[in-house]
PDB file of all heavy atoms in Angstrom:
ATOM      1  N   LEU A   1      -9.475   7.032   2.908  1.00  0.00           N
ATOM      2  CA  LEU A   1      -9.101   7.246   1.512  1.00  0.00           C
ATOM      3  C   LEU A   1      -9.889   8.417   0.936  1.00  0.00           C
ATOM      4  O   LEU A   1     -10.972   8.755   1.417  1.00  0.00           O
ATOM      5  CB  LEU A   1      -9.371   5.987   0.691  1.00  0.00           C
ATOM      6  CG  LEU A   1      -8.649   4.714   1.143  1.00  0.00           C
ATOM      7  CD1 LEU A   1      -9.055   3.551   0.275  1.00  0.00           C
ATOM      8  CD2 LEU A   1      -7.151   4.906   1.139  1.00  0.00           C
ATOM      9  N   ARG A   2      -9.326   9.033  -0.122  1.00  0.00           N
ATOM     10  CA  ARG A   2     -10.010  10.122  -0.802  1.00  0.00           C
ATOM     11  C   ARG A   2     -11.215   9.590  -1.549  1.00  0.00           C
ATOM     12  O   ARG A   2     -11.268   8.433  -1.923  1.00  0.00           O
ATOM     13  CB  ARG A   2      -9.073  10.798  -1.810  1.00  0.00           C
ATOM     14  CG  ARG A   2      -8.348  11.968  -1.229  1.00  0.00           C
ATOM     15  CD  ARG A   2      -7.575  12.701  -2.302  1.00  0.00           C
ATOM     16  NE  ARG A   2      -6.162  12.615  -1.913  1.00  0.00           N
ATOM     17  CZ  ARG A   2      -5.185  12.293  -2.717  1.00  0.00           C
ATOM     18  NH1 ARG A   2      -5.411  12.034  -3.973  1.00  0.00           N
ATOM     19  NH2 ARG A   2      -3.952  12.234  -2.273  1.00  0.00           N
ATOM     20  N   GLY A   3     -12.149  10.473  -1.802  1.00  0.00           N
ATOM     21  CA  GLY A   3     -13.313  10.088  -2.590  1.00  0.00           C
ATOM     22  C   GLY A   3     -14.592  10.487  -1.892  1.00  0.00           C
ATOM     23  O   GLY A   3     -14.601  10.918  -0.748  1.00  0.00           O
ATOM     24  N   GLU A   4     -15.682  10.326  -2.616  1.00  0.00           N
ATOM     25  CA  GLU A   4     -16.977  10.711  -2.076  1.00  0.00           C
ATOM     26  C   GLU A   4     -17.515   9.681  -1.091  1.00  0.00           C
ATOM     27  O   GLU A   4     -18.227  10.015  -0.158  1.00  0.00           O
ATOM     28  CB  GLU A   4     -17.972  10.910  -3.222  1.00  0.00           C
ATOM     29  CG  GLU A   4     -17.613  12.082  -4.103  1.00  0.00           C
ATOM     30  CD  GLU A   4     -18.597  12.257  -5.241  1.00  0.00           C
ATOM     31  OE1 GLU A   4     -19.745  11.798  -5.110  1.00  0.00           O
ATOM     32  OE2 GLU A   4     -18.204  12.850  -6.240  1.00  0.00           O
ATOM     33  N   THR A   5     -17.204   8.414  -1.303  1.00  0.00           N
ATOM     34  CA  THR A   5     -17.699   7.378  -0.408  1.00  0.00           C
ATOM     35  C   THR A   5     -16.849   7.329   0.850  1.00  0.00           C
ATOM     36  O   THR A   5     -15.683   7.729   0.855  1.00  0.00           O
ATOM     37  CB  THR A   5     -17.678   6.007  -1.090  1.00  0.00           C
ATOM     38  OG1 THR A   5     -16.324   5.708  -1.448  1.00  0.00           O
ATOM     39  CG2 THR A   5     -18.567   5.989  -2.302  1.00  0.00           C
ATOM     40  N   ASP A   6     -17.451   6.833   1.906  1.00  0.00           N
ATOM     41  CA  ASP A   6     -16.739   6.701   3.180  1.00  0.00           C
ATOM     42  C   ASP A   6     -15.951   5.394   3.141  1.00  0.00           C
ATOM     43  O   ASP A   6     -16.471   4.338   3.481  1.00  0.00           O
ATOM     44  CB  ASP A   6     -17.749   6.701   4.320  1.00  0.00           C
ATOM     45  CG  ASP A   6     -17.100   6.870   5.670  1.00  0.00           C
ATOM     46  OD1 ASP A   6     -15.975   7.392   5.719  1.00  0.00           O
ATOM     47  OD2 ASP A   6     -17.720   6.483   6.670  1.00  0.00           O
ATOM     48  N   SER A   7     -14.713   5.475   2.661  1.00  0.00           N
ATOM     49  CA  SER A   7     -13.934   4.256   2.473  1.00  0.00           C
ATOM     50  C   SER A   7     -12.595   4.363   3.182  1.00  0.00           C
ATOM     51  O   SER A   7     -12.130   5.438   3.524  1.00  0.00           O
ATOM     52  CB  SER A   7     -13.709   3.990   0.984  1.00  0.00           C
ATOM     53  OG  SER A   7     -13.000   5.064   0.417  1.00  0.00           O
ATOM     54  N   GLY A   8     -11.972   3.206   3.387  1.00  0.00           N
ATOM     55  CA  GLY A   8     -10.686   3.172   4.041  1.00  0.00           C
ATOM     56  C   GLY A   8      -9.974   1.863   3.779  1.00  0.00           C
ATOM     57  O   GLY A   8     -10.536   0.918   3.237  1.00  0.00           O
ATOM     58  N   ALA A   9      -8.716   1.830   4.177  1.00  0.00           N
ATOM     59  CA  ALA A   9      -7.886   0.630   4.038  1.00  0.00           C
ATOM     60  C   ALA A   9      -7.275   0.325   5.396  1.00  0.00           C
ATOM     61  O   ALA A   9      -6.902   1.240   6.133  1.00  0.00           O
ATOM     62  CB  ALA A   9      -6.784   0.859   3.010  1.00  0.00           C
ATOM     63  N   SER A  10      -7.180  -0.943   5.733  1.00  0.00           N
ATOM     64  CA  SER A  10      -6.572  -1.293   7.019  1.00  0.00           C
ATOM     65  C   SER A  10      -5.091  -0.924   6.994  1.00  0.00           C
ATOM     66  O   SER A  10      -4.449  -0.933   5.949  1.00  0.00           O
ATOM     67  CB  SER A  10      -6.739  -2.786   7.307  1.00  0.00           C
ATOM     68  OG  SER A  10      -5.906  -3.540   6.458  1.00  0.00           O
ATOM     69  N   ARG A  11      -4.560  -0.587   8.163  1.00  0.00           N
ATOM     70  CA  ARG A  11      -3.155  -0.201   8.261  1.00  0.00           C
ATOM     71  C   ARG A  11      -2.241  -1.317   7.774  1.00  0.00           C
ATOM     72  O   ARG A  11      -1.237  -1.073   7.129  1.00  0.00           O
ATOM     73  CB  ARG A  11      -2.800   0.136   9.710  1.00  0.00           C
ATOM     74  CG  ARG A  11      -3.124   1.531  10.101  1.00  0.00           C
ATOM     75  CD  ARG A  11      -2.556   1.850  11.455  1.00  0.00           C
ATOM     76  NE  ARG A  11      -1.381   2.688  11.485  1.00  0.00           N
ATOM     77  CZ  ARG A  11      -1.238   3.842  10.901  1.00  0.00           C
ATOM     78  NH1 ARG A  11      -2.182   4.317  10.151  1.00  0.00           N
ATOM     79  NH2 ARG A  11      -0.142   4.546  11.042  1.00  0.00           N
ATOM     80  N   ARG A  12      -2.593  -2.540   8.096  1.00  0.00           N
ATOM     81  CA  ARG A  12      -1.767  -3.682   7.718  1.00  0.00           C
ATOM     82  C   ARG A  12      -1.701  -3.834   6.198  1.00  0.00           C
ATOM     83  O   ARG A  12      -0.627  -4.002   5.621  1.00  0.00           O
ATOM     84  CB  ARG A  12      -2.323  -4.937   8.361  1.00  0.00           C
ATOM     85  CG  ARG A  12      -1.606  -6.185   7.941  1.00  0.00           C
ATOM     86  CD  ARG A  12      -2.219  -7.383   8.566  1.00  0.00           C
ATOM     87  NE  ARG A  12      -1.342  -7.850   9.620  1.00  0.00           N
ATOM     88  CZ  ARG A  12      -1.639  -8.769  10.483  1.00  0.00           C
ATOM     89  NH1 ARG A  12      -2.819  -9.316  10.476  1.00  0.00           N
ATOM     90  NH2 ARG A  12      -0.767  -9.154  11.381  1.00  0.00           N
ATOM     91  N   SER A  13      -2.842  -3.760   5.520  1.00  0.00           N
ATOM     92  CA  SER A  13      -2.828  -3.912   4.066  1.00  0.00           C
ATOM     93  C   SER A  13      -2.183  -2.711   3.387  1.00  0.00           C
ATOM     94  O   SER A  13      -1.505  -2.850   2.371  1.00  0.00           O
ATOM     95  CB  SER A  13      -4.250  -4.130   3.532  1.00  0.00           C
ATOM     96  OG  SER A  13      -5.042  -2.993   3.764  1.00  0.00           O
ATOM     97  N   TYR A  14      -2.377  -1.531   3.972  1.00  0.00           N
ATOM     98  CA  TYR A  14      -1.748  -0.310   3.464  1.00  0.00           C
ATOM     99  C   TYR A  14      -0.226  -0.454   3.486  1.00  0.00           C
ATOM    100  O   TYR A  14       0.460  -0.227   2.495  1.00  0.00           O
ATOM    101  CB  TYR A  14      -2.216   0.847   4.347  1.00  0.00           C
ATOM    102  CG  TYR A  14      -1.784   2.237   3.966  1.00  0.00           C
ATOM    103  CD1 TYR A  14      -2.199   2.826   2.774  1.00  0.00           C
ATOM    104  CD2 TYR A  14      -1.000   2.994   4.832  1.00  0.00           C
ATOM    105  CE1 TYR A  14      -1.835   4.113   2.454  1.00  0.00           C
ATOM    106  CE2 TYR A  14      -0.634   4.287   4.520  1.00  0.00           C
ATOM    107  CZ  TYR A  14      -1.056   4.845   3.329  1.00  0.00           C
ATOM    108  OH  TYR A  14      -0.690   6.125   3.017  1.00  0.00           O
ATOM    109  N   ARG A  15       0.314  -0.905   4.631  1.00  0.00           N
ATOM    110  CA  ARG A  15       1.753  -1.075   4.773  1.00  0.00           C
ATOM    111  C   ARG A  15       2.272  -2.182   3.864  1.00  0.00           C
ATOM    112  O   ARG A  15       3.309  -2.035   3.217  1.00  0.00           O
ATOM    113  CB  ARG A  15       2.100  -1.374   6.232  1.00  0.00           C
ATOM    114  CG  ARG A  15       3.590  -1.478   6.486  1.00  0.00           C
ATOM    115  CD  ARG A  15       3.939  -1.732   7.939  1.00  0.00           C
ATOM    116  NE  ARG A  15       3.296  -2.922   8.446  1.00  0.00           N
ATOM    117  CZ  ARG A  15       2.480  -2.947   9.493  1.00  0.00           C
ATOM    118  NH1 ARG A  15       2.199  -1.841  10.130  1.00  0.00           N
ATOM    119  NH2 ARG A  15       1.936  -4.070   9.889  1.00  0.00           N
ATOM    120  N   SER A  16       1.555  -3.314   3.778  1.00  0.00           N
ATOM    121  CA  SER A  16       2.060  -4.416   2.955  1.00  0.00           C
ATOM    122  C   SER A  16       2.016  -4.075   1.471  1.00  0.00           C
ATOM    123  O   SER A  16       2.886  -4.504   0.711  1.00  0.00           O
ATOM    124  CB  SER A  16       1.286  -5.699   3.236  1.00  0.00           C
ATOM    125  OG  SER A  16      -0.058  -5.558   2.872  1.00  0.00           O
ATOM    126  N   THR A  17       1.050  -3.274   1.044  1.00  0.00           N
ATOM    127  CA  THR A  17       0.992  -2.843  -0.356  1.00  0.00           C
ATOM    128  C   THR A  17       2.161  -1.930  -0.684  1.00  0.00           C
ATOM    129  O   THR A  17       2.795  -2.065  -1.737  1.00  0.00           O
ATOM    130  CB  THR A  17      -0.341  -2.117  -0.637  1.00  0.00           C
ATOM    131  OG1 THR A  17      -1.402  -3.016  -0.361  1.00  0.00           O
ATOM    132  CG2 THR A  17      -0.426  -1.649  -2.061  1.00  0.00           C
ATOM    133  N   LEU A  18       2.472  -1.013   0.224  1.00  0.00           N
ATOM    134  CA  LEU A  18       3.615  -0.123  -0.006  1.00  0.00           C
ATOM    135  C   LEU A  18       4.929  -0.894   0.055  1.00  0.00           C
ATOM    136  O   LEU A  18       5.855  -0.614  -0.702  1.00  0.00           O
ATOM    137  CB  LEU A  18       3.607   1.021   1.018  1.00  0.00           C
ATOM    138  CG  LEU A  18       2.426   1.989   0.925  1.00  0.00           C
ATOM    139  CD1 LEU A  18       2.517   3.030   2.030  1.00  0.00           C
ATOM    140  CD2 LEU A  18       2.377   2.650  -0.435  1.00  0.00           C
ATOM    141  N   ARG A  19       5.018  -1.879   0.944  1.00  0.00           N
ATOM    142  CA  ARG A  19       6.234  -2.699   1.023  1.00  0.00           C
ATOM    143  C   ARG A  19       6.414  -3.505  -0.258  1.00  0.00           C
ATOM    144  O   ARG A  19       7.524  -3.651  -0.757  1.00  0.00           O
ATOM    145  CB  ARG A  19       6.168  -3.620   2.233  1.00  0.00           C
ATOM    146  CG  ARG A  19       7.431  -4.452   2.398  1.00  0.00           C
ATOM    147  CD  ARG A  19       7.447  -5.324   3.630  1.00  0.00           C
ATOM    148  NE  ARG A  19       6.200  -5.995   3.889  1.00  0.00           N
ATOM    149  CZ  ARG A  19       5.496  -5.877   5.017  1.00  0.00           C
ATOM    150  NH1 ARG A  19       5.918  -5.102   5.981  1.00  0.00           N
ATOM    151  NH2 ARG A  19       4.375  -6.536   5.172  1.00  0.00           N
ATOM    152  N   ALA A  20       5.331  -4.008  -0.816  1.00  0.00           N
ATOM    153  CA  ALA A  20       5.418  -4.751  -2.076  1.00  0.00           C
ATOM    154  C   ALA A  20       5.890  -3.849  -3.204  1.00  0.00           C
ATOM    155  O   ALA A  20       6.675  -4.276  -4.062  1.00  0.00           O
ATOM    156  CB  ALA A  20       4.059  -5.360  -2.415  1.00  0.00           C
ATOM    157  N   ALA A  21       5.431  -2.598  -3.205  1.00  0.00           N
ATOM    158  CA  ALA A  21       5.882  -1.656  -4.237  1.00  0.00           C
ATOM    159  C   ALA A  21       7.371  -1.398  -4.107  1.00  0.00           C
ATOM    160  O   ALA A  21       8.088  -1.311  -5.110  1.00  0.00           O
ATOM    161  CB  ALA A  21       5.104  -0.346  -4.129  1.00  0.00           C
ATOM    162  N   ALA A  22       7.866  -1.275  -2.878  1.00  0.00           N
ATOM    163  CA  ALA A  22       9.299  -1.045  -2.677  1.00  0.00           C
ATOM    164  C   ALA A  22      10.109  -2.283  -3.049  1.00  0.00           C
ATOM    165  O   ALA A  22      11.210  -2.173  -3.603  1.00  0.00           O
ATOM    166  CB  ALA A  22       9.568  -0.657  -1.228  1.00  0.00           C
ATOM    167  N   SER A  23       9.586  -3.461  -2.751  1.00  0.00           N
ATOM    168  CA  SER A  23      10.309  -4.708  -3.041  1.00  0.00           C
ATOM    169  C   SER A  23      10.366  -5.013  -4.528  1.00  0.00           C
ATOM    170  O   SER A  23      11.253  -5.744  -4.974  1.00  0.00           O
ATOM    171  CB  SER A  23       9.646  -5.875  -2.315  1.00  0.00           C
ATOM    172  OG  SER A  23       9.731  -5.686  -0.929  1.00  0.00           O
ATOM    173  N   ASP A  24       9.430  -4.477  -5.308  1.00  0.00           N
ATOM    174  CA  ASP A  24       9.397  -4.743  -6.747  1.00  0.00           C
ATOM    175  C   ASP A  24      10.458  -3.972  -7.527  1.00  0.00           C
ATOM    176  O   ASP A  24      10.672  -4.256  -8.702  1.00  0.00           O
ATOM    177  CB  ASP A  24       8.010  -4.413  -7.320  1.00  0.00           C
ATOM    178  CG  ASP A  24       6.975  -5.441  -6.907  1.00  0.00           C
ATOM    179  OD1 ASP A  24       7.368  -6.534  -6.462  1.00  0.00           O
ATOM    180  OD2 ASP A  24       5.772  -5.137  -7.042  1.00  0.00           O
ATOM    181  N   VAL A  25      11.102  -3.018  -6.892  1.00  0.00           N
ATOM    182  CA  VAL A  25      12.145  -2.241  -7.574  1.00  0.00           C
ATOM    183  C   VAL A  25      13.348  -3.142  -7.815  1.00  0.00           C
ATOM    184  O   VAL A  25      13.749  -3.922  -6.945  1.00  0.00           O
ATOM    185  CB  VAL A  25      12.540  -1.002  -6.727  1.00  0.00           C
ATOM    186  CG1 VAL A  25      13.712  -0.265  -7.346  1.00  0.00           C
ATOM    187  CG2 VAL A  25      11.347  -0.076  -6.567  1.00  0.00           C
ATOM    188  N   ASP A  26      13.919  -3.038  -9.001  1.00  0.00           N
ATOM    189  CA  ASP A  26      15.059  -3.866  -9.384  1.00  0.00           C
ATOM    190  C   ASP A  26      16.252  -3.582  -8.471  1.00  0.00           C
ATOM    191  O   ASP A  26      16.650  -2.430  -8.292  1.00  0.00           O
ATOM    192  CB  ASP A  26      15.438  -3.585 -10.844  1.00  0.00           C
ATOM    193  CG  ASP A  26      16.512  -4.528 -11.337  1.00  0.00           C
ATOM    194  OD1 ASP A  26      16.479  -5.712 -10.942  1.00  0.00           O
ATOM    195  OD2 ASP A  26      17.384  -4.077 -12.106  1.00  0.00           O
ATOM    196  N   GLY A  27      16.793  -4.618  -7.862  1.00  0.00           N
ATOM    197  CA  GLY A  27      17.955  -4.481  -6.995  1.00  0.00           C
ATOM    198  C   GLY A  27      17.618  -4.539  -5.521  1.00  0.00           C
ATOM    199  O   GLY A  27      18.507  -4.679  -4.684  1.00  0.00           O
ATOM    200  N   VAL A  28      16.357  -4.447  -5.150  1.00  0.00           N
ATOM    201  CA  VAL A  28      15.956  -4.498  -3.736  1.00  0.00           C
ATOM    202  C   VAL A  28      15.768  -5.959  -3.342  1.00  0.00           C
ATOM    203  O   VAL A  28      15.015  -6.697  -3.964  1.00  0.00           O
ATOM    204  CB  VAL A  28      14.658  -3.697  -3.501  1.00  0.00           C
ATOM    205  CG1 VAL A  28      14.162  -3.885  -2.084  1.00  0.00           C
ATOM    206  CG2 VAL A  28      14.880  -2.231  -3.803  1.00  0.00           C
ATOM    207  N   THR A  29      16.475  -6.384  -2.288  1.00  0.00           N
ATOM    208  CA  THR A  29      16.339  -7.760  -1.816  1.00  0.00           C
ATOM    209  C   THR A  29      15.352  -7.874  -0.664  1.00  0.00           C
ATOM    210  O   THR A  29      14.723  -8.915  -0.492  1.00  0.00           O
ATOM    211  CB  THR A  29      17.705  -8.324  -1.366  1.00  0.00           C
ATOM    212  OG1 THR A  29      18.245  -7.474  -0.361  1.00  0.00           O
ATOM    213  CG2 THR A  29      18.661  -8.420  -2.534  1.00  0.00           C
TER     214      THR A  29
END
């Protein structure tokens, strides 16, 4: 991830967060 600290996100949580964002759109089943 961007920033001064050495940080990151697991691939699994990264993908599930993006999938949740896509699923929250009105009309997506």
